[in-house]
Amino acid sequence: MESPTVHDSQQDSPHHRRARLDEGTCRLICPIASAMVGVCMTGIGLLRVAIVVRGGETVADDLLSADALAFLLATLCSYFALRVQSFTRLHWLERVADGAFIAAMLMLTMACFVITYSLGS
């Protein structure tokens, strides 16, 4: 077993642990948020078919469109956070990606309620 080097101890500093944590968050947000854009687009398509078949209108497709944009923002911010070299920019982009992802998930939940109650009646 090798003894730890100075380089290894520097990598375990709080600053480097925080950077690894933020990078890990971005690595999770990026693929999930991009997949959720596809979920929103599928929801819009299915909703449009249901509206044509059953008639009526709902704001859920507009909500899902805005939601897809919020997921896209989360995807792009997390992607660019992984590409930059500056720790400050990494943290800023990671926070924007986090906020956009949470907001988009909340909006998706609201869209589900709108779809349930507008098509259920």
PDB file of N, CA and C in Angstrom:
ATOM      1  N   MET A   1       0.838  -1.168   0.000  1.00  0.00           N
ATOM      2  CA  MET A   1       0.000   0.000   0.000  1.00  0.00           C
ATOM      3  C   MET A   1       0.881   1.229   0.000  1.00  0.00           C
ATOM      4  N   GLU A   2       0.544   2.201  -0.871  1.00  0.00           N
ATOM      5  CA  GLU A   2       1.361   3.393  -1.004  1.00  0.00           C
ATOM      6  C   GLU A   2       1.019   4.403   0.066  1.00  0.00           C
ATOM      7  N   SER A   3       2.036   5.169   0.453  1.00  0.00           N
ATOM      8  CA  SER A   3       1.772   6.238   1.419  1.00  0.00           C
ATOM      9  C   SER A   3       1.188   7.434   0.700  1.00  0.00           C
ATOM     10  N   PRO A   4       0.321   8.201   1.383  1.00  0.00           N
ATOM     11  CA  PRO A   4      -0.285   9.358   0.730  1.00  0.00           C
ATOM     12  C   PRO A   4       0.762  10.408   0.412  1.00  0.00           C
ATOM     13  N   THR A   5       0.617  11.026  -0.726  1.00  0.00           N
ATOM     14  CA  THR A   5       1.536  12.084  -1.134  1.00  0.00           C
ATOM     15  C   THR A   5       0.926  13.427  -0.811  1.00  0.00           C
ATOM     16  N   VAL A   6       1.723  14.460  -0.986  1.00  0.00           N
ATOM     17  CA  VAL A   6       1.221  15.819  -0.766  1.00  0.00           C
ATOM     18  C   VAL A   6       0.083  16.108  -1.727  1.00  0.00           C
ATOM     19  N   HIS A   7       0.234  15.613  -2.938  1.00  0.00           N
ATOM     20  CA  HIS A   7      -0.808  15.833  -3.942  1.00  0.00           C
ATOM     21  C   HIS A   7      -2.140  15.228  -3.501  1.00  0.00           C
ATOM     22  N   ASP A   8      -2.096  14.032  -2.897  1.00  0.00           N
ATOM     23  CA  ASP A   8      -3.322  13.382  -2.418  1.00  0.00           C
ATOM     24  C   ASP A   8      -3.969  14.177  -1.297  1.00  0.00           C
ATOM     25  N   SER A   9      -3.148  14.716  -0.387  1.00  0.00           N
ATOM     26  CA  SER A   9      -3.727  15.479   0.720  1.00  0.00           C
ATOM     27  C   SER A   9      -4.334  16.784   0.234  1.00  0.00           C
ATOM     28  N   GLN A  10      -3.770  17.354  -0.837  1.00  0.00           N
ATOM     29  CA  GLN A  10      -4.361  18.573  -1.394  1.00  0.00           C
ATOM     30  C   GLN A  10      -5.707  18.270  -2.041  1.00  0.00           C
ATOM     31  N   GLN A  11      -5.830  17.103  -2.617  1.00  0.00           N
ATOM     32  CA  GLN A  11      -7.088  16.742  -3.260  1.00  0.00           C
ATOM     33  C   GLN A  11      -8.187  16.495  -2.235  1.00  0.00           C
ATOM     34  N   ASP A  12      -7.832  16.211  -0.983  1.00  0.00           N
ATOM     35  CA  ASP A  12      -8.827  15.981   0.053  1.00  0.00           C
ATOM     36  C   ASP A  12      -9.163  17.241   0.834  1.00  0.00           C
ATOM     37  N   SER A  13      -8.697  18.385   0.373  1.00  0.00           N
ATOM     38  CA  SER A  13      -9.026  19.630   1.056  1.00  0.00           C
ATOM     39  C   SER A  13     -10.521  19.908   0.884  1.00  0.00           C
ATOM     40  N   PRO A  14     -11.101  20.708   1.782  1.00  0.00           N
ATOM     41  CA  PRO A  14     -12.537  21.009   1.668  1.00  0.00           C
ATOM     42  C   PRO A  14     -12.903  21.629   0.327  1.00  0.00           C
ATOM     43  N   HIS A  15     -12.006  22.441  -0.214  1.00  0.00           N
ATOM     44  CA  HIS A  15     -12.276  23.087  -1.503  1.00  0.00           C
ATOM     45  C   HIS A  15     -12.410  22.048  -2.617  1.00  0.00           C
ATOM     46  N   HIS A  16     -11.506  21.069  -2.630  1.00  0.00           N
ATOM     47  CA  HIS A  16     -11.566  20.030  -3.666  1.00  0.00           C
ATOM     48  C   HIS A  16     -12.739  19.084  -3.452  1.00  0.00           C
ATOM     49  N   ARG A  17     -13.057  18.768  -2.204  1.00  0.00           N
ATOM     50  CA  ARG A  17     -14.232  17.920  -1.942  1.00  0.00           C
ATOM     51  C   ARG A  17     -15.496  18.612  -2.420  1.00  0.00           C
ATOM     52  N   ARG A  18     -15.600  19.920  -2.168  1.00  0.00           N
ATOM     53  CA  ARG A  18     -16.775  20.687  -2.611  1.00  0.00           C
ATOM     54  C   ARG A  18     -16.864  20.686  -4.130  1.00  0.00           C
ATOM     55  N   ALA A  19     -15.740  20.860  -4.799  1.00  0.00           N
ATOM     56  CA  ALA A  19     -15.733  20.857  -6.267  1.00  0.00           C
ATOM     57  C   ALA A  19     -16.160  19.497  -6.790  1.00  0.00           C
ATOM     58  N   ARG A  20     -15.675  18.411  -6.166  1.00  0.00           N
ATOM     59  CA  ARG A  20     -16.087  17.070  -6.601  1.00  0.00           C
ATOM     60  C   ARG A  20     -17.573  16.858  -6.365  1.00  0.00           C
ATOM     61  N   LEU A  21     -18.087  17.357  -5.239  1.00  0.00           N
ATOM     62  CA  LEU A  21     -19.506  17.231  -4.925  1.00  0.00           C
ATOM     63  C   LEU A  21     -20.348  17.960  -5.955  1.00  0.00           C
ATOM     64  N   ASP A  22     -19.962  19.205  -6.288  1.00  0.00           N
ATOM     65  CA  ASP A  22     -20.711  19.971  -7.270  1.00  0.00           C
ATOM     66  C   ASP A  22     -20.646  19.316  -8.643  1.00  0.00           C
ATOM     67  N   GLU A  23     -19.488  18.789  -8.983  1.00  0.00           N
ATOM     68  CA  GLU A  23     -19.358  18.108 -10.262  1.00  0.00           C
ATOM     69  C   GLU A  23     -20.252  16.870 -10.294  1.00  0.00           C
ATOM     70  N   GLY A  24     -20.335  16.160  -9.167  1.00  0.00           N
ATOM     71  CA  GLY A  24     -21.212  14.997  -9.086  1.00  0.00           C
ATOM     72  C   GLY A  24     -22.669  15.371  -9.261  1.00  0.00           C
ATOM     73  N   THR A  25     -23.068  16.494  -8.662  1.00  0.00           N
ATOM     74  CA  THR A  25     -24.439  16.978  -8.817  1.00  0.00           C
ATOM     75  C   THR A  25     -24.718  17.294 -10.281  1.00  0.00           C
ATOM     76  N   CYS A  26     -23.778  17.975 -10.923  1.00  0.00           N
ATOM     77  CA  CYS A  26     -23.953  18.307 -12.342  1.00  0.00           C
ATOM     78  C   CYS A  26     -24.019  17.059 -13.207  1.00  0.00           C
ATOM     79  N   ARG A  27     -23.218  16.061 -12.856  1.00  0.00           N
ATOM     80  CA  ARG A  27     -23.246  14.816 -13.624  1.00  0.00           C
ATOM     81  C   ARG A  27     -24.580  14.084 -13.461  1.00  0.00           C
ATOM     82  N   LEU A  28     -25.288  14.328 -12.375  1.00  0.00           N
ATOM     83  CA  LEU A  28     -26.619  13.750 -12.190  1.00  0.00           C
ATOM     84  C   LEU A  28     -27.692  14.569 -12.895  1.00  0.00           C
ATOM     85  N   ILE A  29     -27.617  15.884 -12.757  1.00  0.00           N
ATOM     86  CA  ILE A  29     -28.645  16.757 -13.324  1.00  0.00           C
ATOM     87  C   ILE A  29     -28.652  16.691 -14.846  1.00  0.00           C
ATOM     88  N   CYS A  30     -27.499  16.702 -15.463  1.00  0.00           N
ATOM     89  CA  CYS A  30     -27.414  16.787 -16.922  1.00  0.00           C
ATOM     90  C   CYS A  30     -28.213  15.691 -17.635  1.00  0.00           C
ATOM     91  N   PRO A  31     -27.986  14.415 -17.382  1.00  0.00           N
ATOM     92  CA  PRO A  31     -28.758  13.407 -18.125  1.00  0.00           C
ATOM     93  C   PRO A  31     -30.222  13.321 -17.697  1.00  0.00           C
ATOM     94  N   ILE A  32     -30.490  13.550 -16.420  1.00  0.00           N
ATOM     95  CA  ILE A  32     -31.878  13.462 -15.963  1.00  0.00           C
ATOM     96  C   ILE A  32     -32.700  14.594 -16.555  1.00  0.00           C
ATOM     97  N   ALA A  33     -32.171  15.815 -16.508  1.00  0.00           N
ATOM     98  CA  ALA A  33     -32.907  16.960 -17.043  1.00  0.00           C
ATOM     99  C   ALA A  33     -33.108  16.831 -18.552  1.00  0.00           C
ATOM    100  N   SER A  34     -32.099  16.326 -19.262  1.00  0.00           N
ATOM    101  CA  SER A  34     -32.271  16.180 -20.708  1.00  0.00           C
ATOM    102  C   SER A  34     -33.316  15.107 -21.031  1.00  0.00           C
ATOM    103  N   ALA A  35     -33.386  14.059 -20.225  1.00  0.00           N
ATOM    104  CA  ALA A  35     -34.430  13.057 -20.426  1.00  0.00           C
ATOM    105  C   ALA A  35     -35.808  13.634 -20.122  1.00  0.00           C
ATOM    106  N   MET A  36     -35.880  14.526 -19.148  1.00  0.00           N
ATOM    107  CA  MET A  36     -37.161  15.139 -18.791  1.00  0.00           C
ATOM    108  C   MET A  36     -37.676  16.073 -19.886  1.00  0.00           C
ATOM    109  N   VAL A  37     -36.780  16.648 -20.691  1.00  0.00           N
ATOM    110  CA  VAL A  37     -37.226  17.423 -21.862  1.00  0.00           C
ATOM    111  C   VAL A  37     -38.025  16.501 -22.775  1.00  0.00           C
ATOM    112  N   GLY A  38     -37.527  15.299 -22.989  1.00  0.00           N
ATOM    113  CA  GLY A  38     -38.244  14.310 -23.807  1.00  0.00           C
ATOM    114  C   GLY A  38     -39.570  13.903 -23.187  1.00  0.00           C
ATOM    115  N   VAL A  39     -39.605  13.783 -21.868  1.00  0.00           N
ATOM    116  CA  VAL A  39     -40.863  13.458 -21.179  1.00  0.00           C
ATOM    117  C   VAL A  39     -41.883  14.560 -21.414  1.00  0.00           C
ATOM    118  N   CYS A  40     -41.440  15.803 -21.300  1.00  0.00           N
ATOM    119  CA  CYS A  40     -42.360  16.929 -21.526  1.00  0.00           C
ATOM    120  C   CYS A  40     -42.877  16.935 -22.963  1.00  0.00           C
ATOM    121  N   MET A  41     -41.987  16.679 -23.915  1.00  0.00           N
ATOM    122  CA  MET A  41     -42.414  16.661 -25.321  1.00  0.00           C
ATOM    123  C   MET A  41     -43.396  15.524 -25.582  1.00  0.00           C
ATOM    124  N   THR A  42     -43.158  14.383 -24.989  1.00  0.00           N
ATOM    125  CA  THR A  42     -44.093  13.259 -25.118  1.00  0.00           C
ATOM    126  C   THR A  42     -45.436  13.617 -24.498  1.00  0.00           C
ATOM    127  N   GLY A  43     -45.397  14.246 -23.328  1.00  0.00           N
ATOM    128  CA  GLY A  43     -46.633  14.691 -22.674  1.00  0.00           C
ATOM    129  C   GLY A  43     -47.422  15.671 -23.525  1.00  0.00           C
ATOM    130  N   ILE A  44     -46.719  16.594 -24.164  1.00  0.00           N
ATOM    131  CA  ILE A  44     -47.395  17.557 -25.047  1.00  0.00           C
ATOM    132  C   ILE A  44     -48.058  16.830 -26.199  1.00  0.00           C
ATOM    133  N   GLY A  45     -47.357  15.887 -26.805  1.00  0.00           N
ATOM    134  CA  GLY A  45     -47.932  15.137 -27.931  1.00  0.00           C
ATOM    135  C   GLY A  45     -49.154  14.334 -27.520  1.00  0.00           C
ATOM    136  N   LEU A  46     -49.055  13.637 -26.415  1.00  0.00           N
ATOM    137  CA  LEU A  46     -50.197  12.847 -25.940  1.00  0.00           C
ATOM    138  C   LEU A  46     -51.369  13.738 -25.551  1.00  0.00           C
ATOM    139  N   LEU A  47     -51.053  14.858 -24.951  1.00  0.00           N
ATOM    140  CA  LEU A  47     -52.102  15.795 -24.556  1.00  0.00           C
ATOM    141  C   LEU A  47     -52.816  16.367 -25.774  1.00  0.00           C
ATOM    142  N   ARG A  48     -52.060  16.687 -26.797  1.00  0.00           N
ATOM    143  CA  ARG A  48     -52.677  17.218 -28.026  1.00  0.00           C
ATOM    144  C   ARG A  48     -53.594  16.168 -28.659  1.00  0.00           C
ATOM    145  N   VAL A  49     -53.186  14.915 -28.645  1.00  0.00           N
ATOM    146  CA  VAL A  49     -54.033  13.839 -29.177  1.00  0.00           C
ATOM    147  C   VAL A  49     -55.307  13.726 -28.344  1.00  0.00           C
ATOM    148  N   ALA A  50     -55.189  13.760 -27.040  1.00  0.00           N
ATOM    149  CA  ALA A  50     -56.360  13.660 -26.164  1.00  0.00           C
ATOM    150  C   ALA A  50     -57.307  14.835 -26.374  1.00  0.00           C
ATOM    151  N   ILE A  51     -56.761  16.012 -26.595  1.00  0.00           N
ATOM    152  CA  ILE A  51     -57.606  17.189 -26.824  1.00  0.00           C
ATOM    153  C   ILE A  51     -58.364  17.059 -28.141  1.00  0.00           C
ATOM    154  N   VAL A  52     -57.697  16.556 -29.164  1.00  0.00           N
ATOM    155  CA  VAL A  52     -58.364  16.377 -30.463  1.00  0.00           C
ATOM    156  C   VAL A  52     -59.465  15.329 -30.352  1.00  0.00           C
ATOM    157  N   VAL A  53     -59.210  14.232 -29.664  1.00  0.00           N
ATOM    158  CA  VAL A  53     -60.176  13.145 -29.545  1.00  0.00           C
ATOM    159  C   VAL A  53     -61.350  13.554 -28.650  1.00  0.00           C
ATOM    160  N   ARG A  54     -61.050  14.136 -27.511  1.00  0.00           N
ATOM    161  CA  ARG A  54     -62.093  14.453 -26.524  1.00  0.00           C
ATOM    162  C   ARG A  54     -62.633  15.866 -26.646  1.00  0.00           C
ATOM    163  N   GLY A  55     -61.909  16.717 -27.323  1.00  0.00           N
ATOM    164  CA  GLY A  55     -62.319  18.122 -27.399  1.00  0.00           C
ATOM    165  C   GLY A  55     -61.895  18.878 -26.154  1.00  0.00           C
ATOM    166  N   GLY A  56     -62.123  20.167 -26.149  1.00  0.00           N
ATOM    167  CA  GLY A  56     -61.768  20.981 -25.000  1.00  0.00           C
ATOM    168  C   GLY A  56     -60.356  21.517 -25.123  1.00  0.00           C
ATOM    169  N   GLU A  57     -60.011  22.381 -24.224  1.00  0.00           N
ATOM    170  CA  GLU A  57     -58.682  22.986 -24.192  1.00  0.00           C
ATOM    171  C   GLU A  57     -58.146  22.951 -22.771  1.00  0.00           C
ATOM    172  N   THR A  58     -56.847  23.030 -22.644  1.00  0.00           N
ATOM    173  CA  THR A  58     -56.193  23.080 -21.352  1.00  0.00           C
ATOM    174  C   THR A  58     -54.888  23.866 -21.483  1.00  0.00           C
ATOM    175  N   VAL A  59     -54.442  24.435 -20.401  1.00  0.00           N
ATOM    176  CA  VAL A  59     -53.183  25.174 -20.413  1.00  0.00           C
ATOM    177  C   VAL A  59     -52.002  24.249 -20.121  1.00  0.00           C
ATOM    178  N   ALA A  60     -52.279  22.967 -19.938  1.00  0.00           N
ATOM    179  CA  ALA A  60     -51.229  22.019 -19.566  1.00  0.00           C
ATOM    180  C   ALA A  60     -50.144  21.916 -20.636  1.00  0.00           C
ATOM    181  N   ASP A  61     -50.517  21.983 -21.925  1.00  0.00           N
ATOM    182  CA  ASP A  61     -49.489  21.897 -22.965  1.00  0.00           C
ATOM    183  C   ASP A  61     -48.579  23.126 -22.939  1.00  0.00           C
ATOM    184  N   ASP A  62     -49.137  24.287 -22.627  1.00  0.00           N
ATOM    185  CA  ASP A  62     -48.299  25.478 -22.481  1.00  0.00           C
ATOM    186  C   ASP A  62     -47.377  25.344 -21.271  1.00  0.00           C
ATOM    187  N   LEU A  63     -47.911  24.803 -20.205  1.00  0.00           N
ATOM    188  CA  LEU A  63     -47.121  24.579 -18.995  1.00  0.00           C
ATOM    189  C   LEU A  63     -45.992  23.581 -19.258  1.00  0.00           C
ATOM    190  N   LEU A  64     -46.291  22.529 -19.999  1.00  0.00           N
ATOM    191  CA  LEU A  64     -45.261  21.542 -20.339  1.00  0.00           C
ATOM    192  C   LEU A  64     -44.201  22.127 -21.276  1.00  0.00           C
ATOM    193  N   SER A  65     -44.597  23.040 -22.162  1.00  0.00           N
ATOM    194  CA  SER A  65     -43.624  23.700 -23.036  1.00  0.00           C
ATOM    195  C   SER A  65     -42.656  24.549 -22.226  1.00  0.00           C
ATOM    196  N   ALA A  66     -43.173  25.332 -21.289  1.00  0.00           N
ATOM    197  CA  ALA A  66     -42.314  26.135 -20.418  1.00  0.00           C
ATOM    198  C   ALA A  66     -41.449  25.223 -19.551  1.00  0.00           C
ATOM    199  N   ASP A  67     -42.011  24.118 -19.135  1.00  0.00           N
ATOM    200  CA  ASP A  67     -41.292  23.149 -18.328  1.00  0.00           C
ATOM    201  C   ASP A  67     -40.106  22.556 -19.103  1.00  0.00           C
ATOM    202  N   ALA A  68     -40.327  22.243 -20.370  1.00  0.00           N
ATOM    203  CA  ALA A  68     -39.246  21.715 -21.206  1.00  0.00           C
ATOM    204  C   ALA A  68     -38.107  22.724 -21.309  1.00  0.00           C
ATOM    205  N   LEU A  69     -38.452  24.014 -21.399  1.00  0.00           N
ATOM    206  CA  LEU A  69     -37.417  25.045 -21.442  1.00  0.00           C
ATOM    207  C   LEU A  69     -36.642  25.126 -20.125  1.00  0.00           C
ATOM    208  N   ALA A  70     -37.337  24.969 -19.005  1.00  0.00           N
ATOM    209  CA  ALA A  70     -36.661  24.984 -17.700  1.00  0.00           C
ATOM    210  C   ALA A  70     -35.728  23.774 -17.568  1.00  0.00           C
ATOM    211  N   PHE A  71     -36.160  22.609 -18.027  1.00  0.00           N
ATOM    212  CA  PHE A  71     -35.284  21.439 -18.004  1.00  0.00           C
ATOM    213  C   PHE A  71     -34.091  21.632 -18.949  1.00  0.00           C
ATOM    214  N   LEU A  72     -34.325  22.289 -20.086  1.00  0.00           N
ATOM    215  CA  LEU A  72     -33.226  22.577 -21.005  1.00  0.00           C
ATOM    216  C   LEU A  72     -32.210  23.511 -20.351  1.00  0.00           C
ATOM    217  N   LEU A  73     -32.690  24.520 -19.638  1.00  0.00           N
ATOM    218  CA  LEU A  73     -31.791  25.427 -18.918  1.00  0.00           C
ATOM    219  C   LEU A  73     -30.953  24.649 -17.899  1.00  0.00           C
ATOM    220  N   ALA A  74     -31.592  23.743 -17.158  1.00  0.00           N
ATOM    221  CA  ALA A  74     -30.870  22.925 -16.182  1.00  0.00           C
ATOM    222  C   ALA A  74     -29.825  22.048 -16.871  1.00  0.00           C
ATOM    223  N   THR A  75     -30.187  21.479 -18.009  1.00  0.00           N
ATOM    224  CA  THR A  75     -29.259  20.638 -18.763  1.00  0.00           C
ATOM    225  C   THR A  75     -28.051  21.430 -19.235  1.00  0.00           C
ATOM    226  N   LEU A  76     -28.305  22.582 -19.848  1.00  0.00           N
ATOM    227  CA  LEU A  76     -27.207  23.391 -20.379  1.00  0.00           C
ATOM    228  C   LEU A  76     -26.294  23.908 -19.277  1.00  0.00           C
ATOM    229  N   CYS A  77     -26.881  24.375 -18.177  1.00  0.00           N
ATOM    230  CA  CYS A  77     -26.055  24.878 -17.070  1.00  0.00           C
ATOM    231  C   CYS A  77     -25.205  23.779 -16.464  1.00  0.00           C
ATOM    232  N   SER A  78     -25.778  22.605 -16.281  1.00  0.00           N
ATOM    233  CA  SER A  78     -24.984  21.514 -15.706  1.00  0.00           C
ATOM    234  C   SER A  78     -23.907  21.059 -16.688  1.00  0.00           C
ATOM    235  N   TYR A  79     -24.211  21.063 -17.977  1.00  0.00           N
ATOM    236  CA  TYR A  79     -23.221  20.679 -18.981  1.00  0.00           C
ATOM    237  C   TYR A  79     -22.057  21.667 -18.987  1.00  0.00           C
ATOM    238  N   PHE A  80     -22.383  22.954 -19.030  1.00  0.00           N
ATOM    239  CA  PHE A  80     -21.316  23.953 -19.062  1.00  0.00           C
ATOM    240  C   PHE A  80     -20.551  24.021 -17.744  1.00  0.00           C
ATOM    241  N   ALA A  81     -21.192  23.716 -16.644  1.00  0.00           N
ATOM    242  CA  ALA A  81     -20.481  23.662 -15.361  1.00  0.00           C
ATOM    243  C   ALA A  81     -19.424  22.561 -15.376  1.00  0.00           C
ATOM    244  N   LEU A  82     -19.704  21.486 -16.095  1.00  0.00           N
ATOM    245  CA  LEU A  82     -18.726  20.410 -16.203  1.00  0.00           C
ATOM    246  C   LEU A  82     -17.579  20.764 -17.146  1.00  0.00           C
ATOM    247  N   ARG A  83     -17.818  21.697 -18.053  1.00  0.00           N
ATOM    248  CA  ARG A  83     -16.823  22.046 -19.060  1.00  0.00           C
ATOM    249  C   ARG A  83     -15.879  23.163 -18.628  1.00  0.00           C
ATOM    250  N   VAL A  84     -16.269  23.983 -17.671  1.00  0.00           N
ATOM    251  CA  VAL A  84     -15.435  25.127 -17.281  1.00  0.00           C
ATOM    252  C   VAL A  84     -14.356  24.702 -16.302  1.00  0.00           C
ATOM    253  N   GLN A  85     -13.308  25.480 -16.233  1.00  0.00           N
ATOM    254  CA  GLN A  85     -12.202  25.178 -15.342  1.00  0.00           C
ATOM    255  C   GLN A  85     -12.245  25.987 -14.052  1.00  0.00           C
ATOM    256  N   SER A  86     -13.001  27.067 -14.035  1.00  0.00           N
ATOM    257  CA  SER A  86     -13.043  27.955 -12.874  1.00  0.00           C
ATOM    258  C   SER A  86     -13.995  27.408 -11.817  1.00  0.00           C
ATOM    259  N   PHE A  87     -13.529  27.302 -10.549  1.00  0.00           N
ATOM    260  CA  PHE A  87     -14.381  26.813  -9.464  1.00  0.00           C
ATOM    261  C   PHE A  87     -15.539  27.757  -9.205  1.00  0.00           C
ATOM    262  N   THR A  88     -15.291  29.064  -9.315  1.00  0.00           N
ATOM    263  CA  THR A  88     -16.362  30.041  -9.080  1.00  0.00           C
ATOM    264  C   THR A  88     -17.480  29.863 -10.098  1.00  0.00           C
ATOM    265  N   ARG A  89     -17.120  29.731 -11.346  1.00  0.00           N
ATOM    266  CA  ARG A  89     -18.121  29.556 -12.394  1.00  0.00           C
ATOM    267  C   ARG A  89     -18.832  28.215 -12.237  1.00  0.00           C
ATOM    268  N   LEU A  90     -18.085  27.182 -11.842  1.00  0.00           N
ATOM    269  CA  LEU A  90     -18.683  25.867 -11.603  1.00  0.00           C
ATOM    270  C   LEU A  90     -19.783  25.968 -10.563  1.00  0.00           C
ATOM    271  N   HIS A  91     -19.518  26.633  -9.451  1.00  0.00           N
ATOM    272  CA  HIS A  91     -20.500  26.750  -8.374  1.00  0.00           C
ATOM    273  C   HIS A  91     -21.704  27.565  -8.824  1.00  0.00           C
ATOM    274  N   TRP A  92     -21.467  28.643  -9.559  1.00  0.00           N
ATOM    275  CA  TRP A  92     -22.568  29.486 -10.012  1.00  0.00           C
ATOM    276  C   TRP A  92     -23.467  28.720 -10.980  1.00  0.00           C
ATOM    277  N   LEU A  93     -22.862  28.061 -11.960  1.00  0.00           N
ATOM    278  CA  LEU A  93     -23.649  27.301 -12.931  1.00  0.00           C
ATOM    279  C   LEU A  93     -24.367  26.127 -12.277  1.00  0.00           C
ATOM    280  N   GLU A  94     -23.698  25.498 -11.304  1.00  0.00           N
ATOM    281  CA  GLU A  94     -24.324  24.382 -10.607  1.00  0.00           C
ATOM    282  C   GLU A  94     -25.542  24.840  -9.821  1.00  0.00           C
ATOM    283  N   ARG A  95     -25.464  26.014  -9.202  1.00  0.00           N
ATOM    284  CA  ARG A  95     -26.620  26.551  -8.461  1.00  0.00           C
ATOM    285  C   ARG A  95     -27.774  26.877  -9.402  1.00  0.00           C
ATOM    286  N   VAL A  96     -27.465  27.449 -10.562  1.00  0.00           N
ATOM    287  CA  VAL A  96     -28.515  27.743 -11.548  1.00  0.00           C
ATOM    288  C   VAL A  96     -29.145  26.446 -12.039  1.00  0.00           C
ATOM    289  N   ALA A  97     -28.323  25.435 -12.317  1.00  0.00           N
ATOM    290  CA  ALA A  97     -28.842  24.132 -12.765  1.00  0.00           C
ATOM    291  C   ALA A  97     -29.729  23.517 -11.697  1.00  0.00           C
ATOM    292  N   ASP A  98     -29.298  23.583 -10.440  1.00  0.00           N
ATOM    293  CA  ASP A  98     -30.110  23.063  -9.325  1.00  0.00           C
ATOM    294  C   ASP A  98     -31.458  23.763  -9.251  1.00  0.00           C
ATOM    295  N   GLY A  99     -31.434  25.082  -9.270  1.00  0.00           N
ATOM    296  CA  GLY A  99     -32.673  25.863  -9.175  1.00  0.00           C
ATOM    297  C   GLY A  99     -33.613  25.599 -10.333  1.00  0.00           C
ATOM    298  N   ALA A 100     -33.058  25.566 -11.540  1.00  0.00           N
ATOM    299  CA  ALA A 100     -33.884  25.309 -12.727  1.00  0.00           C
ATOM    300  C   ALA A 100     -34.481  23.908 -12.677  1.00  0.00           C
ATOM    301  N   PHE A 101     -33.695  22.944 -12.218  1.00  0.00           N
ATOM    302  CA  PHE A 101     -34.189  21.566 -12.144  1.00  0.00           C
ATOM    303  C   PHE A 101     -35.328  21.444 -11.136  1.00  0.00           C
ATOM    304  N   ILE A 102     -35.162  22.036  -9.956  1.00  0.00           N
ATOM    305  CA  ILE A 102     -36.215  21.973  -8.933  1.00  0.00           C
ATOM    306  C   ILE A 102     -37.463  22.693  -9.415  1.00  0.00           C
ATOM    307  N   ALA A 103     -37.290  23.874 -10.012  1.00  0.00           N
ATOM    308  CA  ALA A 103     -38.443  24.625 -10.535  1.00  0.00           C
ATOM    309  C   ALA A 103     -39.160  23.826 -11.620  1.00  0.00           C
ATOM    310  N   ALA A 104     -38.402  23.186 -12.487  1.00  0.00           N
ATOM    311  CA  ALA A 104     -39.006  22.390 -13.566  1.00  0.00           C
ATOM    312  C   ALA A 104     -39.757  21.180 -13.017  1.00  0.00           C
ATOM    313  N   MET A 105     -39.205  20.546 -11.986  1.00  0.00           N
ATOM    314  CA  MET A 105     -39.913  19.410 -11.389  1.00  0.00           C
ATOM    315  C   MET A 105     -41.223  19.859 -10.741  1.00  0.00           C
ATOM    316  N   LEU A 106     -41.202  21.011 -10.088  1.00  0.00           N
ATOM    317  CA  LEU A 106     -42.435  21.546  -9.502  1.00  0.00           C
ATOM    318  C   LEU A 106     -43.454  21.883 -10.586  1.00  0.00           C
ATOM    319  N   MET A 107     -42.975  22.469 -11.678  1.00  0.00           N
ATOM    320  CA  MET A 107     -43.866  22.808 -12.781  1.00  0.00           C
ATOM    321  C   MET A 107     -44.449  21.553 -13.419  1.00  0.00           C
ATOM    322  N   LEU A 108     -43.649  20.500 -13.519  1.00  0.00           N
ATOM    323  CA  LEU A 108     -44.144  19.237 -14.074  1.00  0.00           C
ATOM    324  C   LEU A 108     -45.234  18.652 -13.193  1.00  0.00           C
ATOM    325  N   THR A 109     -45.053  18.757 -11.886  1.00  0.00           N
ATOM    326  CA  THR A 109     -46.078  18.274 -10.960  1.00  0.00           C
ATOM    327  C   THR A 109     -47.366  19.076 -11.124  1.00  0.00           C
ATOM    328  N   MET A 110     -47.243  20.392 -11.260  1.00  0.00           N
ATOM    329  CA  MET A 110     -48.432  21.224 -11.490  1.00  0.00           C
ATOM    330  C   MET A 110     -49.115  20.846 -12.801  1.00  0.00           C
ATOM    331  N   ALA A 111     -48.319  20.586 -13.840  1.00  0.00           N
ATOM    332  CA  ALA A 111     -48.894  20.186 -15.125  1.00  0.00           C
ATOM    333  C   ALA A 111     -49.647  18.869 -14.992  1.00  0.00           C
ATOM    334  N   CYS A 112     -49.135  17.963 -14.190  1.00  0.00           N
ATOM    335  CA  CYS A 112     -49.830  16.681 -13.965  1.00  0.00           C
ATOM    336  C   CYS A 112     -51.191  16.905 -13.319  1.00  0.00           C
ATOM    337  N   PHE A 113     -51.255  17.807 -12.338  1.00  0.00           N
ATOM    338  CA  PHE A 113     -52.538  18.121 -11.707  1.00  0.00           C
ATOM    339  C   PHE A 113     -53.502  18.750 -12.710  1.00  0.00           C
ATOM    340  N   VAL A 114     -53.001  19.667 -13.530  1.00  0.00           N
ATOM    341  CA  VAL A 114     -53.859  20.325 -14.530  1.00  0.00           C
ATOM    342  C   VAL A 114     -54.379  19.291 -15.517  1.00  0.00           C
ATOM    343  N   ILE A 115     -53.521  18.399 -15.978  1.00  0.00           N
ATOM    344  CA  ILE A 115     -53.942  17.375 -16.934  1.00  0.00           C
ATOM    345  C   ILE A 115     -54.970  16.453 -16.296  1.00  0.00           C
ATOM    346  N   THR A 116     -54.713  16.030 -15.074  1.00  0.00           N
ATOM    347  CA  THR A 116     -55.638  15.124 -14.380  1.00  0.00           C
ATOM    348  C   THR A 116     -57.013  15.730 -14.242  1.00  0.00           C
ATOM    349  N   TYR A 117     -57.064  16.981 -13.809  1.00  0.00           N
ATOM    350  CA  TYR A 117     -58.373  17.593 -13.547  1.00  0.00           C
ATOM    351  C   TYR A 117     -59.050  18.142 -14.789  1.00  0.00           C
ATOM    352  N   SER A 118     -58.291  18.496 -15.812  1.00  0.00           N
ATOM    353  CA  SER A 118     -58.939  19.008 -17.029  1.00  0.00           C
ATOM    354  C   SER A 118     -59.443  17.875 -17.918  1.00  0.00           C
ATOM    355  N   LEU A 119     -58.728  16.756 -17.957  1.00  0.00           N
ATOM    356  CA  LEU A 119     -59.174  15.617 -18.776  1.00  0.00           C
ATOM    357  C   LEU A 119     -60.066  14.660 -18.007  1.00  0.00           C
ATOM    358  N   GLY A 120     -60.015  14.734 -16.687  1.00  0.00           N
ATOM    359  CA  GLY A 120     -60.821  13.835 -15.857  1.00  0.00           C
ATOM    360  C   GLY A 120     -62.284  14.202 -15.812  1.00  0.00           C
ATOM    361  N   SER A 121     -62.597  15.461 -16.049  1.00  0.00           N
ATOM    362  CA  SER A 121     -64.013  15.883 -15.955  1.00  0.00           C
ATOM    363  C   SER A 121     -64.719  15.879 -17.267  1.00  0.00           C
TER     364      SER A 121
END
